[in-house]
N, C-alpha and C. Protein backbone atom coordinates (compact mmCIF):
# COMPACT_ATOMS: atom_id res chain seq x y z
N MET A 1 0.82 -1.19 0.00
CA MET A 1 0.00 0.00 0.00
C MET A 1 0.87 1.25 0.00
N MET A 2 1.97 1.20 0.78
CA MET A 2 2.85 2.36 0.84
C MET A 2 3.51 2.59 -0.51
N ASP A 3 3.93 1.53 -1.17
CA ASP A 3 4.58 1.69 -2.47
C ASP A 3 3.61 2.27 -3.50
N LEU A 4 2.36 1.83 -3.44
CA LEU A 4 1.36 2.39 -4.36
C LEU A 4 1.15 3.88 -4.09
N ARG A 5 1.19 4.26 -2.83
CA ARG A 5 1.07 5.69 -2.49
C ARG A 5 2.30 6.46 -2.95
N LEU A 6 3.48 5.86 -2.80
CA LEU A 6 4.70 6.54 -3.20
C LEU A 6 4.73 6.83 -4.70
N VAL A 7 4.26 5.88 -5.51
CA VAL A 7 4.26 6.11 -6.95
C VAL A 7 3.08 6.93 -7.42
N GLY A 8 2.14 7.24 -6.52
CA GLY A 8 1.02 8.11 -6.86
C GLY A 8 -0.16 7.42 -7.49
N VAL A 9 -0.32 6.13 -7.22
CA VAL A 9 -1.42 5.36 -7.80
C VAL A 9 -2.62 5.29 -6.87
N ALA A 10 -2.37 5.20 -5.55
CA ALA A 10 -3.46 5.03 -4.59
C ALA A 10 -3.28 5.98 -3.42
N PHE A 11 -4.37 6.30 -2.76
CA PHE A 11 -4.38 7.13 -1.56
C PHE A 11 -3.70 8.49 -1.78
N THR A 12 -3.91 9.09 -2.92
CA THR A 12 -3.20 10.32 -3.26
C THR A 12 -3.64 11.52 -2.43
N SER A 13 -4.79 11.45 -1.81
CA SER A 13 -5.24 12.59 -1.00
C SER A 13 -4.65 12.58 0.41
N ALA A 14 -4.11 11.46 0.84
CA ALA A 14 -3.52 11.35 2.18
C ALA A 14 -2.04 11.75 2.13
N PRO A 15 -1.57 12.45 3.14
CA PRO A 15 -0.15 12.81 3.18
C PRO A 15 0.74 11.57 3.29
N LEU A 16 1.87 11.59 2.59
CA LEU A 16 2.78 10.45 2.58
C LEU A 16 3.26 10.08 3.98
N ALA A 17 3.63 11.08 4.76
CA ALA A 17 4.16 10.80 6.10
C ALA A 17 3.11 10.13 6.98
N GLN A 18 1.88 10.54 6.84
CA GLN A 18 0.81 9.94 7.65
C GLN A 18 0.57 8.48 7.25
N ILE A 19 0.57 8.20 5.96
CA ILE A 19 0.39 6.83 5.48
C ILE A 19 1.53 5.94 6.00
N GLN A 20 2.77 6.44 5.89
CA GLN A 20 3.92 5.66 6.35
C GLN A 20 3.85 5.40 7.86
N GLN A 21 3.47 6.40 8.61
CA GLN A 21 3.38 6.25 10.06
C GLN A 21 2.35 5.18 10.44
N ARG A 22 1.26 5.12 9.73
CA ARG A 22 0.21 4.14 10.05
C ARG A 22 0.54 2.74 9.55
N LEU A 23 1.24 2.64 8.41
CA LEU A 23 1.49 1.32 7.83
C LEU A 23 2.75 0.63 8.34
N PHE A 24 3.72 1.38 8.83
CA PHE A 24 5.00 0.78 9.21
C PHE A 24 4.85 -0.33 10.25
N PRO A 25 4.07 -0.15 11.32
CA PRO A 25 3.92 -1.27 12.27
C PRO A 25 3.33 -2.52 11.62
N TRP A 26 2.40 -2.35 10.70
CA TRP A 26 1.79 -3.49 10.01
C TRP A 26 2.82 -4.15 9.08
N GLN A 27 3.65 -3.35 8.44
CA GLN A 27 4.68 -3.91 7.57
C GLN A 27 5.64 -4.78 8.38
N MET A 28 6.07 -4.31 9.51
CA MET A 28 7.00 -5.08 10.34
C MET A 28 6.32 -6.31 10.94
N ALA A 29 5.06 -6.17 11.34
CA ALA A 29 4.33 -7.28 11.94
C ALA A 29 4.09 -8.40 10.93
N SER A 30 3.99 -8.08 9.65
CA SER A 30 3.80 -9.12 8.64
C SER A 30 5.13 -9.64 8.11
N PHE A 31 6.18 -8.85 8.18
CA PHE A 31 7.48 -9.27 7.68
C PHE A 31 8.10 -10.36 8.56
N VAL A 32 8.00 -10.22 9.86
CA VAL A 32 8.64 -11.17 10.78
C VAL A 32 8.09 -12.59 10.62
N PRO A 33 6.77 -12.81 10.66
CA PRO A 33 6.29 -14.19 10.46
C PRO A 33 6.57 -14.71 9.05
N SER A 34 6.58 -13.83 8.09
CA SER A 34 6.88 -14.26 6.72
C SER A 34 8.31 -14.78 6.62
N MET A 35 9.25 -14.09 7.24
CA MET A 35 10.64 -14.55 7.25
C MET A 35 10.77 -15.87 8.02
N ALA A 36 10.07 -15.98 9.13
CA ALA A 36 10.15 -17.19 9.95
C ALA A 36 9.62 -18.40 9.18
N THR A 37 8.52 -18.26 8.49
CA THR A 37 7.97 -19.39 7.74
C THR A 37 8.85 -19.72 6.54
N GLY A 38 9.47 -18.72 5.94
CA GLY A 38 10.40 -18.98 4.84
C GLY A 38 11.62 -19.76 5.29
N ILE A 39 12.14 -19.40 6.44
CA ILE A 39 13.30 -20.13 6.99
C ILE A 39 12.91 -21.55 7.34
N LEU A 40 11.73 -21.74 7.93
CA LEU A 40 11.27 -23.09 8.26
C LEU A 40 11.07 -23.94 7.00
N LEU A 41 10.53 -23.34 5.95
CA LEU A 41 10.34 -24.06 4.70
C LEU A 41 11.68 -24.49 4.12
N PHE A 42 12.67 -23.62 4.18
CA PHE A 42 14.01 -23.97 3.70
C PHE A 42 14.61 -25.10 4.52
N CYS A 43 14.39 -25.09 5.82
CA CYS A 43 14.96 -26.11 6.71
C CYS A 43 14.37 -27.50 6.46
N VAL A 44 13.20 -27.59 5.87
CA VAL A 44 12.58 -28.88 5.61
C VAL A 44 13.41 -29.69 4.61
N ASP A 45 13.88 -29.05 3.54
CA ASP A 45 14.67 -29.73 2.52
C ASP A 45 15.71 -28.78 1.94
N PRO A 46 16.75 -28.46 2.69
CA PRO A 46 17.70 -27.44 2.24
C PRO A 46 18.46 -27.82 0.97
N LEU A 47 18.76 -29.08 0.75
CA LEU A 47 19.50 -29.47 -0.45
C LEU A 47 18.67 -29.25 -1.71
N ARG A 48 17.38 -29.40 -1.59
CA ARG A 48 16.50 -29.16 -2.75
C ARG A 48 16.51 -27.69 -3.14
N TYR A 49 16.46 -26.82 -2.16
CA TYR A 49 16.39 -25.39 -2.44
C TYR A 49 17.76 -24.78 -2.73
N TYR A 50 18.79 -25.32 -2.13
CA TYR A 50 20.13 -24.76 -2.28
C TYR A 50 20.59 -24.77 -3.74
N ARG A 51 20.21 -25.79 -4.48
CA ARG A 51 20.62 -25.92 -5.88
C ARG A 51 19.62 -25.32 -6.86
N ASN A 52 18.53 -24.80 -6.39
CA ASN A 52 17.48 -24.28 -7.24
C ASN A 52 17.81 -22.85 -7.67
N ALA A 53 17.98 -22.63 -8.98
CA ALA A 53 18.36 -21.31 -9.50
C ALA A 53 17.28 -20.27 -9.20
N LEU A 54 16.03 -20.66 -9.24
CA LEU A 54 14.95 -19.71 -8.96
C LEU A 54 14.92 -19.32 -7.49
N PHE A 55 15.26 -20.25 -6.61
CA PHE A 55 15.35 -19.94 -5.20
C PHE A 55 16.49 -18.95 -4.94
N LEU A 56 17.61 -19.18 -5.58
CA LEU A 56 18.74 -18.27 -5.43
C LEU A 56 18.42 -16.89 -5.99
N ALA A 57 17.68 -16.86 -7.11
CA ALA A 57 17.25 -15.57 -7.67
C ALA A 57 16.31 -14.86 -6.70
N LYS A 58 15.41 -15.62 -6.09
CA LYS A 58 14.49 -15.03 -5.12
C LYS A 58 15.27 -14.44 -3.95
N LEU A 59 16.27 -15.14 -3.46
CA LEU A 59 17.08 -14.61 -2.36
C LEU A 59 17.79 -13.32 -2.77
N ALA A 60 18.30 -13.28 -4.00
CA ALA A 60 18.96 -12.07 -4.48
C ALA A 60 17.97 -10.91 -4.55
N PHE A 61 16.76 -11.18 -5.04
CA PHE A 61 15.74 -10.12 -5.11
C PHE A 61 15.33 -9.67 -3.71
N LEU A 62 15.27 -10.61 -2.75
CA LEU A 62 14.96 -10.25 -1.37
C LEU A 62 16.03 -9.34 -0.77
N VAL A 63 17.28 -9.64 -1.06
CA VAL A 63 18.37 -8.79 -0.57
C VAL A 63 18.25 -7.39 -1.18
N LEU A 64 17.99 -7.32 -2.48
CA LEU A 64 17.84 -6.02 -3.13
C LEU A 64 16.63 -5.25 -2.58
N ALA A 65 15.53 -5.95 -2.33
CA ALA A 65 14.35 -5.30 -1.75
C ALA A 65 14.65 -4.80 -0.35
N GLY A 66 15.39 -5.59 0.42
CA GLY A 66 15.78 -5.16 1.76
C GLY A 66 16.69 -3.94 1.73
N LEU A 67 17.64 -3.93 0.81
CA LEU A 67 18.52 -2.76 0.67
C LEU A 67 17.74 -1.53 0.23
N ASN A 68 16.77 -1.72 -0.65
CA ASN A 68 15.92 -0.61 -1.08
C ASN A 68 15.15 -0.05 0.11
N ALA A 69 14.58 -0.92 0.92
CA ALA A 69 13.81 -0.48 2.09
C ALA A 69 14.72 0.19 3.11
N LEU A 70 15.91 -0.38 3.33
CA LEU A 70 16.85 0.19 4.28
C LEU A 70 17.31 1.58 3.84
N THR A 71 17.64 1.70 2.57
CA THR A 71 18.04 3.00 2.03
C THR A 71 16.90 4.00 2.14
N PHE A 72 15.68 3.55 1.84
CA PHE A 72 14.52 4.43 1.94
C PHE A 72 14.35 4.95 3.36
N HIS A 73 14.45 4.06 4.34
CA HIS A 73 14.22 4.48 5.73
C HIS A 73 15.38 5.29 6.30
N LEU A 74 16.60 5.02 5.87
CA LEU A 74 17.75 5.76 6.39
C LEU A 74 17.95 7.11 5.71
N LYS A 75 17.61 7.21 4.44
CA LYS A 75 17.86 8.45 3.68
C LYS A 75 16.58 9.26 3.47
N THR A 76 15.63 8.69 2.78
CA THR A 76 14.45 9.43 2.35
C THR A 76 13.48 9.69 3.49
N TYR A 77 13.26 8.70 4.35
CA TYR A 77 12.26 8.83 5.41
C TYR A 77 12.65 9.88 6.44
N ARG A 78 13.92 10.20 6.55
CA ARG A 78 14.36 11.25 7.48
C ARG A 78 13.74 12.59 7.13
N ARG A 79 13.45 12.79 5.86
CA ARG A 79 12.87 14.05 5.41
C ARG A 79 11.36 13.89 5.16
N ALA A 80 10.71 13.06 5.94
CA ALA A 80 9.29 12.75 5.73
C ALA A 80 8.39 13.97 5.89
N ASP A 81 8.79 14.92 6.73
CA ASP A 81 7.95 16.10 6.93
C ASP A 81 7.81 16.93 5.66
N GLY A 82 8.82 16.91 4.80
CA GLY A 82 8.78 17.72 3.58
C GLY A 82 8.37 16.96 2.34
N TRP A 83 7.90 15.72 2.50
CA TRP A 83 7.55 14.92 1.33
C TRP A 83 6.50 15.58 0.46
N ASP A 84 5.51 16.14 1.07
CA ASP A 84 4.39 16.66 0.28
C ASP A 84 4.68 18.03 -0.32
N GLU A 85 5.76 18.70 0.13
CA GLU A 85 6.08 20.02 -0.41
C GLU A 85 7.26 20.00 -1.37
N ASP A 86 8.24 19.13 -1.13
CA ASP A 86 9.48 19.13 -1.89
C ASP A 86 9.40 18.14 -3.05
N PRO A 87 9.39 18.62 -4.30
CA PRO A 87 9.27 17.70 -5.44
C PRO A 87 10.48 16.77 -5.60
N GLN A 88 11.67 17.22 -5.16
CA GLN A 88 12.85 16.37 -5.28
C GLN A 88 12.73 15.16 -4.36
N VAL A 89 12.31 15.35 -3.13
CA VAL A 89 12.12 14.24 -2.20
C VAL A 89 11.01 13.33 -2.70
N THR A 90 9.95 13.92 -3.22
CA THR A 90 8.85 13.12 -3.75
C THR A 90 9.33 12.25 -4.91
N GLY A 91 10.21 12.79 -5.75
CA GLY A 91 10.75 12.01 -6.87
C GLY A 91 11.58 10.84 -6.39
N ILE A 92 12.41 11.06 -5.38
CA ILE A 92 13.22 9.98 -4.82
C ILE A 92 12.32 8.93 -4.16
N ALA A 93 11.30 9.39 -3.45
CA ALA A 93 10.36 8.46 -2.82
C ALA A 93 9.61 7.66 -3.87
N ARG A 94 9.23 8.30 -4.97
CA ARG A 94 8.55 7.57 -6.04
C ARG A 94 9.45 6.51 -6.66
N LEU A 95 10.71 6.85 -6.84
CA LEU A 95 11.66 5.88 -7.38
C LEU A 95 11.82 4.69 -6.43
N ALA A 96 11.89 4.95 -5.13
CA ALA A 96 12.00 3.87 -4.15
C ALA A 96 10.74 3.01 -4.18
N GLY A 97 9.58 3.62 -4.29
CA GLY A 97 8.33 2.87 -4.35
C GLY A 97 8.22 2.02 -5.60
N ALA A 98 8.62 2.58 -6.75
CA ALA A 98 8.58 1.83 -8.00
C ALA A 98 9.56 0.66 -7.96
N GLY A 99 10.75 0.91 -7.41
CA GLY A 99 11.73 -0.17 -7.27
C GLY A 99 11.23 -1.27 -6.37
N SER A 100 10.59 -0.89 -5.29
CA SER A 100 10.04 -1.88 -4.36
C SER A 100 8.94 -2.71 -5.01
N LEU A 101 8.04 -2.06 -5.72
CA LEU A 101 6.97 -2.80 -6.42
C LEU A 101 7.55 -3.77 -7.44
N PHE A 102 8.56 -3.33 -8.17
CA PHE A 102 9.20 -4.18 -9.17
C PHE A 102 9.88 -5.38 -8.51
N LEU A 103 10.66 -5.13 -7.46
CA LEU A 103 11.37 -6.22 -6.79
C LEU A 103 10.42 -7.22 -6.14
N TRP A 104 9.37 -6.73 -5.48
CA TRP A 104 8.43 -7.65 -4.85
C TRP A 104 7.63 -8.43 -5.88
N SER A 105 7.41 -7.86 -7.05
CA SER A 105 6.77 -8.61 -8.14
C SER A 105 7.68 -9.75 -8.59
N LEU A 106 8.98 -9.45 -8.72
CA LEU A 106 9.93 -10.50 -9.09
C LEU A 106 10.01 -11.58 -8.01
N ILE A 107 9.96 -11.19 -6.76
CA ILE A 107 10.01 -12.16 -5.66
C ILE A 107 8.80 -13.09 -5.72
N ILE A 108 7.64 -12.53 -5.97
CA ILE A 108 6.42 -13.35 -6.06
C ILE A 108 6.50 -14.31 -7.23
N VAL A 109 6.93 -13.83 -8.38
CA VAL A 109 7.01 -14.68 -9.57
C VAL A 109 8.03 -15.81 -9.35
N THR A 110 9.21 -15.47 -8.85
CA THR A 110 10.21 -16.53 -8.64
C THR A 110 9.75 -17.51 -7.56
N SER A 111 9.03 -17.04 -6.55
CA SER A 111 8.51 -17.94 -5.52
C SER A 111 7.55 -18.95 -6.11
N ARG A 112 6.71 -18.48 -6.99
CA ARG A 112 5.72 -19.38 -7.60
C ARG A 112 6.37 -20.35 -8.58
N LEU A 113 7.51 -19.98 -9.14
CA LEU A 113 8.18 -20.85 -10.11
C LEU A 113 9.16 -21.83 -9.48
N ILE A 114 9.49 -21.67 -8.21
CA ILE A 114 10.46 -22.56 -7.56
C ILE A 114 10.07 -24.04 -7.68
N PRO A 115 8.83 -24.43 -7.46
CA PRO A 115 8.49 -25.86 -7.59
C PRO A 115 8.66 -26.39 -9.01
N ASN A 116 8.60 -25.51 -10.00
CA ASN A 116 8.74 -25.91 -11.39
C ASN A 116 10.11 -25.53 -11.92
N ASN A 117 11.15 -25.98 -11.27
CA ASN A 117 12.50 -25.58 -11.64
C ASN A 117 12.89 -26.21 -12.98
N TRP A 118 13.15 -25.35 -13.96
CA TRP A 118 13.55 -25.82 -15.28
C TRP A 118 15.07 -25.82 -15.44
N PHE A 119 15.79 -25.33 -14.44
CA PHE A 119 17.24 -25.18 -14.56
C PHE A 119 17.95 -26.22 -13.69
N LYS A 120 17.84 -27.46 -14.04
CA LYS A 120 18.45 -28.52 -13.23
C LYS A 120 19.80 -28.89 -13.77
């Protein structure tokens, strides 16, 4: 939802800082169990996933998405008060949101393709 707001597709009447403040706890609350279940799934059959090219691609995309989020929170989010007035900050925030949407789309696609590994 935050990424859609950042790129200007949804919730355009709400201030960016307010949306981020309300969604951040939900983002963290959903991220932790998601990571835990992913680790447990890997632990069930690690040799199967370790050699899977799509699984490795998914991990790479996850790292890139994490770096994008970390950069966003350390650099762009510090200037959250000026998001709605400063077009330069809004442009950087839009780029971060578009990158996040792209990376999470790749993560979803590679996740769904892992069982159908064509690269053996």
